[in-house]
Amino acid sequence: MILRIFSIFVCISACFSALYSAEKTEKATPDAPVYQEHLDLSYYLDPAGKKQPVQSWEDWEIRRGHILSNMQTVMGEVPRPDQPVPLDMKVLEEATVDTVKRLKISYHTDDPQMRVKAYLFVPKTATAANPVPAILCLHQTNSSTGKQEPAGIKGLPNLKYALELAERGYVTLAPDYPSFGEYPYDFKAHPEYRSGTMKAVYDNKRSLDLLQSLKYVQGDRIGCIGHSLGGHNTMFTAAFDPRIKALVSSCGFTRFHKYYGGQLKGWTSDRYMPVINGKYQNNPDLVPFDFTEIVASFAPRAFLACAPVSDSNFEVSGVKDVIRIAQPVYQLSGHPENLKALYPEAKHDFPPETRESAYQFFDHHLKK
C-alpha cells in the first residue's frame, strides 16, 4: 500500500512539475546550445557543451528550455508585452446552426488598428453557471476561405471541426490565419516578427486569452486542433502556451529530413519561417530543431497525431519516427498514455472516423 501511494505521488509530482516547467521555459534562454542530434532526446548539453543524461524531469526541463530557445532562434521570440492590446471583442453577426449559436466576431491581438475576425460557436449547454471546455480550431492553407472551412460554411466537409466540436458540447473558436480569409496582412511590413509562424502563434495566444475571458468557458480546460497548416500551427502554439491541455494535429508534420526528401522550401515563405531559406540554406541538418523535440516538449499534455499513410505532404514514416522518439519523454513524465497517433488509410485528409477518434480524445482529456 505504501509503495502504491508513493508511485501515485511520483506520478502527480511529475505532472505538476511538467506543467510548471512549461510555464518556466517558454522564454528564450540566451546562448542556448545548438543540438546536432534531434533524434536523440536522452541527453542535454551542460554549460561546457558536454552531454549529460536525462535521468529526471529536472534534466528534461533543461533540454526542453533549449528546444524552445532554438525554435525562437528561427521563428523569433514570443512577444510578451507588459500591457497587451485590449481584445475589445465585438459581435458582427449571430446565427443559430442546428443546436449551437454561431457568432462572427472580431478582436484585437497586437495592433489597435487591426482586428482579427473569427467564428465563435457556443452550445446551448454553455452558461456562466455551467461553463464548458473550449477548443481553438485552426484552418488549413485555403486562400480566401480561411475560418469558414472549420466553421462548416465553405470548403471541404471533412474539415468542419469547429462546428462538429461545438455540436459535441465545446465552445469553439475558428480565427483566420494572417493573410488568409478576411485577414489581409503584409508580413514584410511587420519586421517586429521574424516569421509569419510567430505572428500566428501570438495571435493564437490572444485567442486563448479571449476564450478564457468568456464566463461560459472552463479556462483551465482548453484544447487546440488543426489540419495541415492548422496542424502545425496548433503544435507551434502549444509548444509556447501551456494553457493548451490537449491538442490534435491532422496532416500537420513529419521530420524535416522526410519532408519532400529534406527539401524545406515549403517552410520558407513569409507566412512560415523565411530564415530557414537564408541562414539555414533549406538544409534540415542546419535547422536547430525538429518535430521530435516539439512533440516531446508537450509532455505530459495530451497530444494526438492523425497521419494518413498516403499523405503526400507529410510522409508518414517521419511521423512514426517522431512518436517513437518522443515516447520515452512521455514515459518520464508519468503519462505515456497521453501521446497517441492514428494512421488512417487516406491521403491528405481528415476522414470522419479519424475525426470521431480525435473528438473522443478531447472528451477523454477535457471533459473528465
Protein backbone atom coordinates (compact mmCIF):
# COMPACT_ATOMS: atom_id res chain seq x y z
CA MET A 1 0.00 0.00 0.00
CA ILE A 2 2.79 2.44 0.92
CA LEU A 3 4.61 1.64 -2.33
CA ARG A 4 1.41 2.24 -4.33
CA ILE A 5 0.81 5.60 -2.62
CA PHE A 6 4.42 6.58 -3.31
CA SER A 7 4.02 5.67 -7.01
CA ILE A 8 0.89 7.80 -7.29
CA PHE A 9 2.71 10.69 -5.59
CA VAL A 10 5.62 10.42 -8.03
CA CYS A 11 3.20 10.46 -10.98
CA ILE A 12 1.33 13.52 -9.68
CA SER A 13 4.59 15.30 -8.87
CA ALA A 14 5.89 14.70 -12.39
CA CYS A 15 2.69 16.11 -13.84
CA PHE A 16 2.76 19.28 -11.75
CA SER A 17 6.49 19.67 -12.35
CA ALA A 18 5.92 19.32 -16.10
CA LEU A 19 3.23 22.00 -16.16
CA TYR A 20 5.43 24.31 -14.09
CA SER A 21 8.26 23.56 -16.50
CA ALA A 22 6.08 24.59 -19.44
CA GLU A 23 5.45 27.95 -17.79
CA LYS A 24 9.07 28.44 -16.81
CA THR A 25 10.82 27.51 -20.05
CA GLU A 26 8.63 29.37 -22.54
CA LYS A 27 11.11 32.25 -22.59
CA ALA A 28 14.20 32.08 -24.78
CA THR A 29 17.43 31.19 -23.00
CA PRO A 30 20.33 33.39 -24.11
CA ASP A 31 23.09 31.42 -25.77
CA ALA A 32 21.21 28.12 -25.62
CA PRO A 33 23.37 25.33 -27.06
CA VAL A 34 22.57 24.06 -30.54
CA TYR A 35 21.97 20.32 -30.79
CA GLN A 36 23.19 18.40 -33.80
CA GLU A 37 21.11 15.33 -32.93
CA HIS A 38 17.36 15.86 -32.95
CA LEU A 39 16.59 12.15 -32.89
CA ASP A 40 18.25 11.60 -29.52
CA LEU A 41 16.38 13.16 -26.60
CA SER A 42 18.22 11.18 -23.95
CA TYR A 43 20.68 13.95 -23.04
CA TYR A 44 21.10 17.68 -22.56
CA LEU A 45 24.14 19.87 -23.05
CA ASP A 46 25.64 21.45 -19.95
CA PRO A 47 27.24 24.94 -19.95
CA ALA A 48 30.53 23.38 -21.04
CA GLY A 49 28.80 21.75 -24.03
CA LYS A 50 29.14 18.24 -22.62
CA LYS A 51 26.38 15.68 -22.89
CA GLN A 52 24.58 14.87 -19.65
CA PRO A 53 22.00 12.07 -19.47
CA VAL A 54 18.34 12.95 -18.97
CA GLN A 55 17.56 10.90 -15.87
CA SER A 56 14.94 13.06 -14.15
CA TRP A 57 12.22 15.52 -15.03
CA GLU A 58 14.51 18.36 -13.94
CA ASP A 59 17.06 17.15 -16.51
CA TRP A 60 14.38 17.18 -19.20
CA GLU A 61 13.40 20.74 -18.23
CA ILE A 62 16.89 21.82 -19.27
CA ARG A 63 16.62 20.15 -22.69
CA ARG A 64 13.09 21.48 -23.17
CA GLY A 65 14.26 25.01 -22.45
CA HIS A 66 16.95 24.62 -25.10
CA ILE A 67 14.36 23.31 -27.60
CA LEU A 68 12.09 26.34 -27.14
CA SER A 69 15.05 28.70 -27.36
CA ASN A 70 16.23 27.13 -30.62
CA MET A 71 12.71 27.32 -32.05
CA GLN A 72 12.71 31.04 -31.26
CA THR A 73 16.07 31.43 -32.99
CA VAL A 74 14.24 30.51 -36.19
CA MET A 75 10.75 31.88 -35.50
CA GLY A 76 11.60 34.96 -33.44
CA GLU A 77 10.92 35.46 -29.76
CA VAL A 78 7.43 35.08 -28.37
CA PRO A 79 6.08 38.62 -27.76
CA ARG A 80 5.48 39.33 -24.07
CA PRO A 81 4.14 42.88 -23.86
CA ASP A 82 3.73 44.34 -20.38
CA GLN A 83 0.34 45.69 -21.45
CA PRO A 84 -1.25 43.66 -24.26
CA VAL A 85 -3.58 45.49 -26.61
CA PRO A 86 -7.14 45.12 -25.22
CA LEU A 87 -9.07 42.40 -27.05
CA ASP A 88 -12.22 44.55 -27.37
CA MET A 89 -14.31 41.69 -28.78
CA LYS A 90 -17.22 42.77 -30.98
CA VAL A 91 -20.06 40.61 -32.32
CA LEU A 92 -20.58 41.22 -36.05
CA GLU A 93 -23.18 38.57 -36.87
CA GLU A 94 -25.22 35.98 -35.00
CA ALA A 95 -26.94 32.85 -36.28
CA THR A 96 -28.25 29.52 -34.98
CA VAL A 97 -26.81 26.41 -36.60
CA ASP A 98 -28.51 23.20 -35.53
CA THR A 99 -28.03 23.08 -31.75
CA VAL A 100 -25.39 25.81 -31.41
CA LYS A 101 -25.12 29.57 -31.68
CA ARG A 102 -22.60 30.86 -34.23
CA LEU A 103 -21.17 34.32 -33.67
CA LYS A 104 -18.95 36.10 -36.15
CA ILE A 105 -16.68 38.23 -34.00
CA SER A 106 -13.65 40.49 -34.29
CA TYR A 107 -10.96 41.37 -31.77
CA HIS A 108 -7.50 42.89 -31.46
CA THR A 109 -4.35 40.85 -30.96
CA ASP A 110 -1.24 43.05 -31.26
CA ASP A 111 -2.40 46.16 -33.13
CA PRO A 112 -5.19 48.52 -32.00
CA GLN A 113 -5.76 49.44 -35.66
CA MET A 114 -6.22 45.84 -36.86
CA ARG A 115 -8.92 43.34 -35.98
CA VAL A 116 -8.87 39.56 -36.40
CA LYS A 117 -12.17 38.01 -37.46
CA ALA A 118 -13.30 34.61 -36.23
CA TYR A 119 -16.30 32.36 -35.76
CA LEU A 120 -17.24 31.62 -32.17
CA PHE A 121 -19.57 28.68 -31.57
CA VAL A 122 -21.47 28.44 -28.29
CA PRO A 123 -23.51 25.31 -27.47
CA LYS A 124 -26.76 25.75 -25.57
CA THR A 125 -25.28 23.91 -22.61
CA ALA A 126 -22.58 26.58 -22.10
CA THR A 127 -23.62 29.15 -19.48
CA ALA A 128 -21.94 31.15 -16.74
CA ALA A 129 -23.47 28.71 -14.27
CA ASN A 130 -22.31 25.74 -16.33
CA PRO A 131 -19.05 26.61 -18.13
CA VAL A 132 -17.72 24.07 -20.63
CA PRO A 133 -14.30 23.28 -22.16
CA ALA A 134 -13.20 25.21 -25.25
CA ILE A 135 -11.18 24.31 -28.35
CA LEU A 136 -9.26 26.63 -30.66
CA CYS A 137 -9.81 25.42 -34.26
CA LEU A 138 -7.17 26.39 -36.84
CA HIS A 139 -7.71 26.13 -40.59
CA GLN A 140 -5.59 24.70 -43.39
CA THR A 141 -3.97 26.57 -46.30
CA ASN A 142 -7.11 27.64 -48.17
CA SER A 143 -6.64 31.19 -49.50
CA SER A 144 -9.84 33.24 -49.24
CA THR A 145 -11.83 30.57 -47.34
CA GLY A 146 -9.90 30.79 -44.07
CA LYS A 147 -12.03 30.32 -40.96
CA GLN A 148 -15.14 29.46 -42.96
CA GLU A 149 -13.87 25.92 -43.53
CA PRO A 150 -13.65 24.74 -39.89
CA ALA A 151 -16.92 26.64 -39.34
CA GLY A 152 -18.62 24.45 -41.97
CA ILE A 153 -19.67 27.41 -44.13
CA LYS A 154 -17.43 26.77 -47.15
CA GLY A 155 -14.69 24.33 -48.09
CA LEU A 156 -14.23 20.61 -47.51
CA PRO A 157 -16.87 18.80 -45.44
CA ASN A 158 -14.19 16.75 -43.66
CA LEU A 159 -12.71 19.92 -42.14
CA LYS A 160 -15.73 21.42 -40.35
CA TYR A 161 -14.34 20.52 -36.94
CA ALA A 162 -15.23 23.83 -35.24
CA LEU A 163 -18.91 23.18 -35.94
CA GLU A 164 -18.77 19.48 -35.11
CA LEU A 165 -16.96 20.00 -31.81
CA ALA A 166 -19.46 22.70 -30.83
CA GLU A 167 -22.29 20.26 -31.55
CA ARG A 168 -20.46 17.92 -29.18
CA GLY A 169 -20.66 20.48 -26.36
CA TYR A 170 -17.49 22.57 -26.68
CA VAL A 171 -17.17 26.30 -27.12
CA THR A 172 -15.04 26.60 -30.27
CA LEU A 173 -13.19 29.50 -31.86
CA ALA A 174 -12.07 29.49 -35.52
CA PRO A 175 -9.95 32.56 -36.45
CA ASP A 176 -8.27 33.48 -39.73
CA TYR A 177 -4.53 32.90 -40.10
CA PRO A 178 -2.69 36.11 -41.07
CA SER A 179 -3.10 36.71 -44.86
CA PHE A 180 -6.00 34.22 -45.19
CA GLY A 181 -9.74 34.75 -45.28
CA GLU A 182 -10.67 38.23 -44.05
CA TYR A 183 -7.26 38.92 -42.57
CA PRO A 184 -5.15 40.95 -45.01
CA TYR A 185 -1.61 41.03 -43.70
CA ASP A 186 1.71 42.13 -45.19
CA PHE A 187 4.40 40.19 -43.37
CA LYS A 188 7.20 42.32 -44.77
CA ALA A 189 5.59 45.42 -43.28
CA HIS A 190 5.99 43.99 -39.77
CA PRO A 191 9.71 43.45 -39.08
CA GLU A 192 8.93 43.00 -35.38
CA TYR A 193 8.11 39.40 -36.33
CA ARG A 194 10.93 37.27 -37.66
CA SER A 195 8.41 34.83 -39.07
CA GLY A 196 4.76 34.52 -40.03
CA THR A 197 4.78 31.47 -37.78
CA MET A 198 5.44 33.56 -34.68
CA LYS A 199 2.86 36.16 -35.73
CA ALA A 200 0.29 33.34 -35.89
CA VAL A 201 1.46 31.92 -32.56
CA TYR A 202 0.94 35.27 -30.86
CA ASP A 203 -2.48 35.73 -32.48
CA ASN A 204 -3.42 32.27 -31.20
CA LYS A 205 -2.23 33.12 -27.70
CA ARG A 206 -4.53 36.15 -27.75
CA SER A 207 -7.33 33.88 -29.00
CA LEU A 208 -6.76 31.77 -25.89
CA ASP A 209 -6.95 34.96 -23.82
CA LEU A 210 -10.32 35.63 -25.43
CA LEU A 211 -11.63 32.13 -24.68
CA GLN A 212 -10.52 32.42 -21.08
CA SER A 213 -12.33 35.75 -20.77
CA LEU A 214 -15.71 34.15 -21.55
CA LYS A 215 -17.69 33.29 -18.44
CA TYR A 216 -19.19 30.20 -20.08
CA VAL A 217 -15.74 28.67 -20.77
CA GLN A 218 -13.76 26.50 -18.35
CA GLY A 219 -10.50 28.38 -18.67
CA ASP A 220 -8.36 25.50 -17.42
CA ARG A 221 -9.79 23.03 -19.98
CA ILE A 222 -8.73 24.29 -23.39
CA GLY A 223 -7.73 22.28 -26.45
CA CYS A 224 -6.50 23.06 -29.95
CA ILE A 225 -7.00 21.29 -33.28
CA GLY A 226 -5.97 21.90 -36.87
CA HIS A 227 -5.42 20.29 -40.26
CA SER A 228 -2.31 20.80 -42.42
CA LEU A 229 -1.30 24.46 -41.84
CA GLY A 230 -3.66 24.34 -38.87
CA GLY A 231 -2.00 21.13 -37.71
CA HIS A 232 1.49 22.55 -37.29
CA ASN A 233 0.07 25.94 -36.25
CA THR A 234 -1.58 24.04 -33.40
CA MET A 235 1.72 22.43 -32.46
CA PHE A 236 3.82 25.60 -32.59
CA THR A 237 1.26 27.40 -30.42
CA ALA A 238 1.05 24.58 -27.88
CA ALA A 239 4.83 24.47 -27.55
CA PHE A 240 4.77 28.06 -26.29
CA ASP A 241 1.45 28.07 -24.43
CA PRO A 242 0.82 25.50 -21.67
CA ARG A 243 -2.83 26.58 -21.41
CA ILE A 244 -3.48 24.14 -24.26
CA LYS A 245 -4.06 20.95 -22.29
CA ALA A 246 -4.91 18.67 -25.24
CA LEU A 247 -4.11 19.06 -28.94
CA VAL A 248 -4.76 17.27 -32.21
CA SER A 249 -2.71 17.72 -35.38
CA SER A 250 -4.11 16.27 -38.61
CA CYS A 251 -1.64 16.04 -41.53
CA GLY A 252 0.47 18.66 -39.79
CA PHE A 253 4.07 17.46 -39.66
CA THR A 254 6.81 14.99 -40.37
CA ARG A 255 10.53 15.02 -39.61
CA PHE A 256 12.29 17.73 -41.59
CA HIS A 257 14.53 15.14 -43.25
CA LYS A 258 11.44 13.33 -44.57
CA TYR A 259 9.60 16.43 -45.75
CA TYR A 260 9.90 16.08 -49.54
CA GLY A 261 13.22 14.31 -49.07
CA GLY A 262 14.62 17.11 -46.92
CA GLN A 263 13.75 19.92 -49.34
CA LEU A 264 12.44 22.59 -46.94
CA LYS A 265 11.40 25.29 -49.41
CA GLY A 266 7.76 24.80 -48.42
CA TRP A 267 8.56 26.04 -44.90
CA THR A 268 10.24 29.26 -46.01
CA SER A 269 7.54 31.64 -47.29
CA ASP A 270 6.74 34.84 -45.40
CA ARG A 271 3.79 33.01 -43.85
CA TYR A 272 6.18 30.49 -42.30
CA MET A 273 9.89 30.79 -41.46
CA PRO A 274 11.96 32.67 -44.07
CA VAL A 275 15.13 32.25 -42.00
CA ILE A 276 15.18 28.56 -42.97
CA ASN A 277 15.80 29.65 -46.57
CA GLY A 278 18.57 32.11 -45.74
CA LYS A 279 20.54 31.36 -42.62
CA TYR A 280 19.85 27.60 -42.72
CA GLN A 281 20.06 27.11 -46.52
CA ASN A 282 16.92 24.90 -46.61
CA ASN A 283 19.10 22.21 -45.03
CA PRO A 284 17.47 20.05 -42.33
CA ASP A 285 20.95 19.32 -40.95
CA LEU A 286 21.30 23.01 -40.08
CA VAL A 287 17.85 23.85 -38.70
CA PRO A 288 18.29 23.86 -34.89
CA PHE A 289 15.10 21.96 -34.02
CA ASP A 290 12.82 19.25 -35.37
CA PHE A 291 9.37 17.86 -34.68
CA THR A 292 10.77 15.10 -32.48
CA GLU A 293 11.66 17.80 -29.98
CA ILE A 294 8.46 19.80 -30.46
CA VAL A 295 6.26 16.79 -29.69
CA ALA A 296 8.37 15.81 -26.68
CA SER A 297 8.04 19.37 -25.37
CA PHE A 298 4.28 18.82 -24.94
CA ALA A 299 4.72 16.14 -22.28
CA PRO A 300 2.77 15.36 -20.17
CA ARG A 301 -0.04 17.15 -22.03
CA ALA A 302 -2.25 15.10 -24.33
CA PHE A 303 -1.21 15.01 -27.99
CA LEU A 304 -2.83 13.09 -30.85
CA ALA A 305 -1.23 12.92 -34.30
CA CYS A 306 -3.51 11.95 -37.19
CA ALA A 307 -1.17 10.94 -40.02
CA PRO A 308 -2.72 9.27 -43.10
CA VAL A 309 -0.50 6.63 -44.69
CA SER A 310 -0.78 8.21 -48.16
CA ASP A 311 -0.26 11.86 -47.20
CA SER A 312 1.99 13.26 -49.94
CA ASN A 313 2.75 16.42 -47.95
CA PHE A 314 3.89 14.90 -44.67
CA GLU A 315 5.49 11.48 -45.08
CA VAL A 316 4.04 9.03 -42.56
CA SER A 317 7.25 7.22 -41.60
CA GLY A 318 8.63 10.56 -40.38
CA VAL A 319 5.59 10.92 -38.12
CA LYS A 320 6.14 7.42 -36.75
CA ASP A 321 9.77 8.34 -36.05
CA VAL A 322 8.64 11.40 -34.10
CA ILE A 323 6.13 9.47 -31.96
CA ARG A 324 8.65 6.72 -31.21
CA ILE A 325 11.39 9.15 -30.22
CA ALA A 326 9.10 11.34 -28.06
CA GLN A 327 7.57 8.37 -26.21
CA PRO A 328 10.35 7.99 -23.59
CA VAL A 329 9.84 11.63 -22.54
CA TYR A 330 6.14 10.95 -22.01
CA GLN A 331 7.17 7.86 -20.04
CA LEU A 332 9.42 10.03 -17.89
CA SER A 333 6.54 12.43 -17.27
CA GLY A 334 4.45 9.62 -15.81
CA HIS A 335 1.83 9.86 -18.56
CA PRO A 336 2.89 7.71 -21.52
CA GLU A 337 -0.79 7.20 -22.40
CA ASN A 338 -1.14 10.89 -23.32
CA LEU A 339 0.84 10.50 -26.55
CA LYS A 340 -1.24 8.91 -29.32
CA ALA A 341 -1.14 8.54 -33.10
CA LEU A 342 -3.58 7.35 -35.75
CA TYR A 343 -2.57 6.24 -39.24
CA PRO A 344 -5.74 6.08 -41.38
CA GLU A 345 -5.80 4.68 -44.90
CA ALA A 346 -6.24 8.07 -46.58
CA LYS A 347 -4.44 10.85 -48.41
CA HIS A 348 -4.03 14.43 -47.13
CA ASP A 349 -7.41 14.38 -45.40
CA PHE A 350 -9.22 14.18 -42.06
CA PRO A 351 -11.73 11.33 -42.60
CA PRO A 352 -14.91 11.03 -40.49
CA GLU A 353 -13.77 8.04 -38.45
CA THR A 354 -10.45 9.75 -37.67
CA ARG A 355 -12.24 12.94 -36.62
CA GLU A 356 -14.52 10.91 -34.36
CA SER A 357 -11.45 9.40 -32.69
CA ALA A 358 -10.00 12.89 -32.28
CA TYR A 359 -13.22 14.14 -30.70
CA GLN A 360 -13.24 11.19 -28.30
CA PHE A 361 -9.63 12.07 -27.44
CA PHE A 362 -10.75 15.57 -26.44
CA ASP A 363 -13.70 14.16 -24.49
CA HIS A 364 -11.34 11.95 -22.51
CA HIS A 365 -8.86 14.70 -21.67
CA LEU A 366 -11.03 17.81 -21.38
CA LYS A 367 -14.36 16.54 -20.05
CA LYS A 368 -13.14 14.24 -17.27
